[in-house]
Amino acid sequence: MPDEVLVLADDLFFSSKIASTARLCSVPARLLKTPRELLQFADPKRVKLVIIDLNGRTTEPVRAIEELKGSSGGDAIPVLAFFSHVQTELAEEARKAGARWILPRSAFSARLAGLLTDLE
């Protein structure tokens, strides 16, 4: 299987947006719903990037980042997290947990295609 992007998000709007943009950019994306699924598919030999919605209500996003970064090989996979711009404390938690890039939702949406194509 070619390199892929893992997406941990429970917001249907953002999941659909990411999946459709990834398809347009010819980047395989796997949509996940739980931290357990994230750990199951987070193979550093196959995964180029993990995208996490920090505002996930059921995905435990900060915990998922911590677990990924603490797993075997997970520390080698870059994490891009996005959040509601008013939740700066959540962004700081994600940074401490190991997210490499943290963007407000508006910037993430505007730059998504470029972020995905820059993976090549």
Protein backbone atom coordinates (compact mmCIF):
# COMPACT_ATOMS: atom_id res chain seq x y z
CA MET A 1 0.00 0.00 0.00
CA PRO A 2 1.30 3.50 -0.79
CA ASP A 3 2.10 6.00 1.95
CA GLU A 4 -1.03 7.35 3.53
CA VAL A 5 -2.38 9.99 5.85
CA LEU A 6 -4.29 8.96 8.97
CA VAL A 7 -7.11 11.24 10.07
CA LEU A 8 -8.54 11.11 13.59
CA ALA A 9 -11.73 13.15 13.57
CA ASP A 10 -15.34 12.68 14.56
CA ASP A 11 -16.67 15.84 12.88
CA LEU A 12 -18.40 14.69 9.70
CA PHE A 13 -17.85 18.02 7.93
CA PHE A 14 -14.08 18.03 8.48
CA SER A 15 -13.71 14.29 7.87
CA SER A 16 -15.46 14.67 4.51
CA LYS A 17 -13.44 17.77 3.62
CA ILE A 18 -10.15 16.06 4.40
CA ALA A 19 -11.11 12.87 2.55
CA SER A 20 -12.26 14.70 -0.58
CA THR A 21 -9.23 17.00 -0.62
CA ALA A 22 -6.90 14.02 -0.16
CA ARG A 23 -8.58 12.26 -3.11
CA LEU A 24 -8.13 15.36 -5.28
CA CYS A 25 -4.45 15.48 -4.28
CA SER A 26 -4.03 11.71 -4.91
CA VAL A 27 -3.06 11.13 -1.29
CA PRO A 28 -4.54 8.01 0.35
CA ALA A 29 -6.31 8.95 3.58
CA ARG A 30 -7.71 6.63 6.21
CA LEU A 31 -10.43 8.07 8.45
CA LEU A 32 -10.29 6.83 12.03
CA LYS A 33 -12.64 7.27 14.97
CA THR A 34 -10.65 6.12 18.00
CA PRO A 35 -7.14 6.39 19.45
CA ARG A 36 -7.00 2.60 19.34
CA GLU A 37 -7.53 2.62 15.58
CA LEU A 38 -4.85 5.28 15.26
CA LEU A 39 -2.33 3.09 17.05
CA GLN A 40 -3.39 0.07 15.00
CA PHE A 41 -2.66 1.77 11.67
CA ALA A 42 0.27 4.03 12.69
CA ASP A 43 3.07 2.21 10.90
CA PRO A 44 5.94 4.69 10.35
CA LYS A 45 6.90 2.81 7.17
CA ARG A 46 3.50 3.54 5.59
CA VAL A 47 2.16 6.68 7.25
CA LYS A 48 3.37 10.10 6.11
CA LEU A 49 1.23 12.20 8.44
CA VAL A 50 -1.42 12.02 11.12
CA ILE A 51 -4.09 14.73 11.13
CA ILE A 52 -6.02 15.17 14.37
CA ASP A 53 -9.04 17.35 15.12
CA LEU A 54 -8.34 18.71 18.60
CA ASN A 55 -12.03 19.48 19.04
CA GLY A 56 -13.05 15.85 18.67
CA ARG A 57 -15.71 15.01 21.22
CA THR A 58 -15.24 11.25 21.17
CA THR A 59 -11.68 10.82 19.87
CA GLU A 60 -9.68 11.93 22.94
CA PRO A 61 -7.30 13.88 20.68
CA VAL A 62 -4.60 14.92 23.18
CA ARG A 63 -4.47 11.43 24.66
CA ALA A 64 -4.26 10.01 21.13
CA ILE A 65 -1.22 12.19 20.38
CA GLU A 66 0.45 11.16 23.63
CA GLU A 67 -0.18 7.48 22.95
CA LEU A 68 1.02 7.74 19.36
CA LYS A 69 4.21 9.51 20.39
CA GLY A 70 4.78 6.92 23.14
CA SER A 71 4.27 3.94 20.84
CA SER A 72 6.98 2.05 19.00
CA GLY A 73 7.81 4.09 15.91
CA GLY A 74 5.00 6.56 16.53
CA ASP A 75 7.41 9.30 17.48
CA ALA A 76 8.68 9.29 13.87
CA ILE A 77 5.24 10.13 12.42
CA PRO A 78 4.51 13.87 12.24
CA VAL A 79 1.22 15.09 13.69
CA LEU A 80 -0.77 18.01 12.31
CA ALA A 81 -3.52 19.11 14.68
CA PHE A 82 -6.22 21.70 14.09
CA PHE A 83 -8.45 23.49 16.59
CA SER A 84 -10.99 26.22 17.13
CA HIS A 85 -8.95 29.44 17.29
CA VAL A 86 -10.36 30.43 20.68
CA GLN A 87 -9.03 27.30 22.39
CA THR A 88 -5.39 28.26 22.72
CA GLU A 89 -4.98 26.14 25.85
CA LEU A 90 -5.97 23.07 23.84
CA ALA A 91 -3.38 23.95 21.22
CA GLU A 92 -0.72 24.17 23.94
CA GLU A 93 -1.75 20.75 25.31
CA ALA A 94 -1.34 19.28 21.82
CA ARG A 95 2.08 20.88 21.44
CA LYS A 96 3.20 19.40 24.77
CA ALA A 97 1.81 16.00 23.72
CA GLY A 98 3.96 16.02 20.59
CA ALA A 99 2.03 17.59 17.71
CA ARG A 100 4.48 19.07 15.21
CA TRP A 101 2.08 21.54 13.58
CA ILE A 102 -0.99 23.10 15.16
CA LEU A 103 -3.30 25.29 13.09
CA PRO A 104 -6.59 27.06 13.70
CA ARG A 105 -9.45 25.44 11.75
CA SER A 106 -9.65 28.34 9.27
CA ALA A 107 -5.94 28.15 8.38
CA PHE A 108 -6.10 24.36 8.22
CA SER A 109 -9.03 24.50 5.79
CA ALA A 110 -7.39 27.12 3.62
CA ARG A 111 -4.03 25.31 3.46
CA LEU A 112 -5.15 21.66 3.42
CA ALA A 113 -4.48 20.92 -0.26
CA GLY A 114 -1.04 22.50 -0.06
CA LEU A 115 -0.21 20.62 3.12
CA LEU A 116 -1.15 17.32 1.51
CA THR A 117 0.71 17.92 -1.73
CA ASP A 118 3.82 19.09 0.15
CA LEU A 119 4.06 15.57 1.61
CA GLU A 120 5.46 14.27 -1.66
